[in-house]
């Protein structure tokens, strides 16, 4: 079941990252030169946080010993 959670969240994060990047470009008033790199780091940050939360909520969390 976790695979379904990860897949659905990954799809949502892809679109959320694109939306965030577009908002940043609108605020800056221009398209960023390294747009794909910025998109990658937005997506990576969101994925690390949300995937950790999924692991915690589904009981896979091991914690630090």
Protein backbone atom coordinates (compact mmCIF):
# COMPACT_ATOMS: atom_id res chain seq x y z
CA UNK A 1 0.00 0.00 0.00
CA UNK A 2 2.93 2.31 0.68
CA UNK A 3 3.92 2.14 -2.99
CA UNK A 4 0.58 3.70 -3.91
CA UNK A 5 1.10 6.47 -1.34
CA UNK A 6 4.58 7.23 -2.65
CA UNK A 7 3.41 7.24 -6.27
CA UNK A 8 0.44 9.54 -5.66
CA UNK A 9 2.50 11.90 -3.53
CA UNK A 10 5.30 11.98 -6.12
CA UNK A 11 2.84 12.98 -8.84
CA UNK A 12 1.36 15.70 -6.63
CA UNK A 13 4.84 16.96 -5.68
CA UNK A 14 5.83 17.21 -9.33
CA UNK A 15 2.94 19.56 -10.06
CA UNK A 16 3.41 21.45 -6.79
CA UNK A 17 7.10 22.00 -7.56
CA UNK A 18 6.26 23.32 -11.01
CA UNK A 19 3.68 25.69 -9.52
CA UNK A 20 6.16 26.94 -6.90
CA UNK A 21 8.79 27.52 -9.58
CA UNK A 22 6.33 29.47 -11.72
CA UNK A 23 5.38 31.65 -8.73
CA UNK A 24 9.07 32.34 -8.04
CA UNK A 25 9.59 33.34 -11.68
CA UNK A 26 6.57 35.64 -11.61
CA UNK A 27 7.85 37.26 -8.43
CA UNK A 28 11.31 37.72 -10.01
CA UNK A 29 9.78 39.01 -13.24
CA UNK A 30 11.83 36.71 -15.46
CA UNK A 31 12.49 33.06 -16.32
CA UNK A 32 15.42 31.61 -14.43
CA UNK A 33 18.44 30.54 -16.41
CA UNK A 34 18.91 27.24 -14.55
CA UNK A 35 15.23 26.46 -14.27
CA UNK A 36 15.62 22.68 -14.23
CA UNK A 37 18.16 22.79 -11.39
CA UNK A 38 15.88 24.98 -9.27
CA UNK A 39 12.94 22.68 -10.05
CA UNK A 40 15.03 19.67 -8.99
CA UNK A 41 15.94 21.18 -5.62
CA UNK A 42 12.34 22.23 -4.92
CA UNK A 43 11.15 18.72 -5.76
CA UNK A 44 13.95 17.09 -3.77
CA UNK A 45 13.22 19.13 -0.66
CA UNK A 46 9.49 18.44 -0.79
CA UNK A 47 10.08 14.74 -1.47
CA UNK A 48 12.44 14.28 1.47
CA UNK A 49 9.97 15.87 3.87
CA UNK A 50 6.81 14.18 2.61
CA UNK A 51 8.37 10.74 2.11
CA UNK A 52 9.68 10.89 5.67
CA UNK A 53 6.19 11.74 6.87
CA UNK A 54 4.74 8.82 4.93
CA UNK A 55 7.28 6.47 6.52
CA UNK A 56 6.39 7.83 9.95
CA UNK A 57 2.61 7.59 9.44
CA UNK A 58 2.72 4.08 7.98
CA UNK A 59 4.83 2.72 10.83
CA UNK A 60 8.04 2.17 8.83
CA UNK A 61 9.85 4.77 10.87
CA UNK A 62 12.85 3.26 12.70
CA UNK A 63 14.13 6.39 14.35
CA UNK A 64 17.73 6.98 15.37
CA UNK A 65 19.18 4.51 17.85
